[in-house]
Amino acid sequence: MSLVEHLRSLAAVVAEESAILSDPTRGGVPPTLVEAKLRLVGAVEAAVSGSPDWRAALSPDERAAAEPLLVALGPDMAANAELLRRRLDLCEDLMAAIGAEARRLTGGRSVTYGALGALARTDRAAPIAVNASL
């Protein structure tokens, strides 16, 4: 595949992933899509990191096709990264809330007396199992 084909494929994958992430009714991003994105990013990086003059190595037709793709990919990738960050933050918040509720329900607290008579309260982590097929 040429650099232009990699860029086109990456743009399509990023658009699909962003659509999935921005729709709260859809589940997670399919692993095959994540793998494709990683593979394409790696291929693009390999193509452009080998030489500082990688643009000069492109034919005029390839350069003309690559330029608008590169211009569009910047904001698209930034928006995609923000969607991913928000989804990960939500997952962290949900897991923290589940853990706090599990500790509350199981009474997972302990109190330790120190040598000077001070009390130290700690919350023990409650065991949590997540069914990934939900």
Protein backbone atom coordinates (compact mmCIF):
# COMPACT_ATOMS: atom_id res chain seq x y z
CA MET A 1 0.00 0.00 0.00
CA SER A 2 1.16 3.51 -0.73
CA LEU A 3 1.24 6.33 1.79
CA VAL A 4 -1.88 7.86 0.23
CA GLU A 5 -3.78 4.58 0.56
CA HIS A 6 -2.66 4.30 4.19
CA LEU A 7 -3.84 7.87 4.86
CA ARG A 8 -7.22 7.22 3.23
CA SER A 9 -7.68 4.03 5.22
CA LEU A 10 -6.62 5.76 8.44
CA ALA A 11 -9.09 8.58 7.82
CA ALA A 12 -11.89 6.05 7.33
CA VAL A 13 -10.95 4.09 10.46
CA VAL A 14 -10.72 7.26 12.57
CA ALA A 15 -14.11 8.43 11.30
CA GLU A 16 -15.69 5.07 12.13
CA GLU A 17 -14.09 4.94 15.58
CA SER A 18 -15.18 8.51 16.33
CA ALA A 19 -18.75 7.69 15.28
CA ILE A 20 -18.78 4.72 17.66
CA LEU A 21 -17.29 6.72 20.53
CA SER A 22 -19.67 9.65 20.11
CA ASP A 23 -22.79 7.45 20.13
CA PRO A 24 -23.67 6.59 23.74
CA THR A 25 -25.99 3.77 22.65
CA ARG A 26 -23.18 1.81 21.02
CA GLY A 27 -20.79 -0.43 22.89
CA GLY A 28 -17.04 -0.36 22.77
CA VAL A 29 -14.87 -0.07 19.72
CA PRO A 30 -14.37 -3.48 18.06
CA PRO A 31 -10.86 -4.86 18.60
CA THR A 32 -10.41 -5.31 14.85
CA LEU A 33 -10.92 -1.56 14.36
CA VAL A 34 -8.37 -0.77 17.06
CA GLU A 35 -5.89 -3.18 15.48
CA ALA A 36 -6.43 -1.63 12.05
CA LYS A 37 -5.88 1.86 13.44
CA LEU A 38 -2.66 0.82 15.19
CA ARG A 39 -1.40 -0.90 12.05
CA LEU A 40 -2.19 2.10 9.85
CA VAL A 41 -0.66 4.62 12.24
CA GLY A 42 2.47 2.48 12.35
CA ALA A 43 2.61 2.25 8.57
CA VAL A 44 2.19 6.02 8.14
CA GLU A 45 4.79 6.71 10.81
CA ALA A 46 7.24 4.31 9.18
CA ALA A 47 6.70 5.96 5.81
CA VAL A 48 7.29 9.51 7.02
CA SER A 49 9.89 8.98 9.76
CA GLY A 50 12.46 7.34 7.52
CA SER A 51 13.46 10.57 5.84
CA PRO A 52 12.96 14.25 6.63
CA ASP A 53 12.29 14.79 2.91
CA TRP A 54 9.53 12.19 2.65
CA ARG A 55 7.27 14.67 0.83
CA ALA A 56 9.88 15.19 -1.86
CA ALA A 57 10.00 11.43 -2.40
CA LEU A 58 6.31 11.42 -3.36
CA SER A 59 5.26 11.83 -6.95
CA PRO A 60 3.37 15.05 -7.77
CA ASP A 61 0.10 13.06 -7.97
CA GLU A 62 0.75 11.39 -4.61
CA ARG A 63 1.68 14.72 -3.03
CA ALA A 64 -1.49 16.33 -4.39
CA ALA A 65 -3.58 13.47 -2.98
CA ALA A 66 -1.75 13.32 0.37
CA GLU A 67 -1.90 17.03 1.25
CA PRO A 68 -5.69 17.32 1.80
CA LEU A 69 -5.70 14.01 3.66
CA LEU A 70 -2.97 15.23 6.01
CA VAL A 71 -4.73 18.56 6.56
CA ALA A 72 -8.02 16.81 7.39
CA LEU A 73 -6.43 14.10 9.54
CA GLY A 74 -4.98 16.57 12.06
CA PRO A 75 -8.30 17.84 13.45
CA ASP A 76 -9.96 14.45 12.99
CA MET A 77 -7.25 12.71 15.03
CA ALA A 78 -7.44 15.43 17.72
CA ALA A 79 -11.22 15.01 17.98
CA ASN A 80 -10.80 11.23 18.08
CA ALA A 81 -8.23 11.52 20.88
CA GLU A 82 -10.61 13.73 22.88
CA LEU A 83 -13.45 11.21 22.45
CA LEU A 84 -11.15 8.42 23.61
CA ARG A 85 -10.00 10.48 26.62
CA ARG A 86 -13.60 11.21 27.62
CA ARG A 87 -14.59 7.54 27.27
CA LEU A 88 -11.61 6.44 29.39
CA ASP A 89 -12.38 9.09 32.02
CA LEU A 90 -15.97 7.86 32.17
CA CYS A 91 -14.79 4.27 32.62
CA GLU A 92 -12.47 5.33 35.45
CA ASP A 93 -15.28 7.26 37.14
CA LEU A 94 -17.65 4.30 36.82
CA MET A 95 -15.10 1.86 38.24
CA ALA A 96 -14.37 4.22 41.16
CA ALA A 97 -18.10 4.52 41.89
CA ILE A 98 -18.55 0.74 41.72
CA GLY A 99 -15.58 0.23 44.03
CA ALA A 100 -16.86 2.82 46.53
CA GLU A 101 -20.29 1.22 46.56
CA ALA A 102 -18.80 -2.26 47.00
CA ARG A 103 -16.72 -1.02 49.94
CA ARG A 104 -19.80 0.62 51.46
CA LEU A 105 -21.90 -2.54 51.09
CA THR A 106 -19.26 -4.93 52.39
CA GLY A 107 -18.14 -2.73 55.26
CA GLY A 108 -14.57 -2.98 54.08
CA ARG A 109 -13.05 -0.61 56.63
CA SER A 110 -10.32 -1.21 59.11
CA VAL A 111 -8.97 0.85 61.99
CA THR A 112 -5.41 0.62 63.17
CA TYR A 113 -4.08 2.01 66.45
CA GLY A 114 -0.65 3.56 66.20
CA ALA A 115 2.08 3.58 68.84
CA LEU A 116 1.05 7.06 69.96
CA GLY A 117 -2.62 6.14 70.20
CA ALA A 118 -3.62 7.71 66.86
CA LEU A 119 -6.30 6.06 64.75
CA ALA A 120 -5.70 5.33 61.10
CA ARG A 121 -8.76 4.43 59.07
CA THR A 122 -8.35 2.69 55.75
CA ASP A 123 -10.78 1.44 53.16
CA ARG A 124 -9.94 -2.04 51.99
CA ALA A 125 -10.54 -2.70 48.35
CA ALA A 126 -13.56 -4.86 47.73
CA PRO A 127 -13.16 -7.64 45.18
CA ILE A 128 -14.89 -6.69 41.96
CA ALA A 129 -15.48 -8.95 38.98
CA VAL A 130 -16.47 -7.42 35.68
CA ASN A 131 -18.35 -9.44 33.14
CA ALA A 132 -16.88 -8.20 29.86
CA SER A 133 -19.73 -9.67 27.82
CA LEU A 134 -22.28 -7.14 29.06
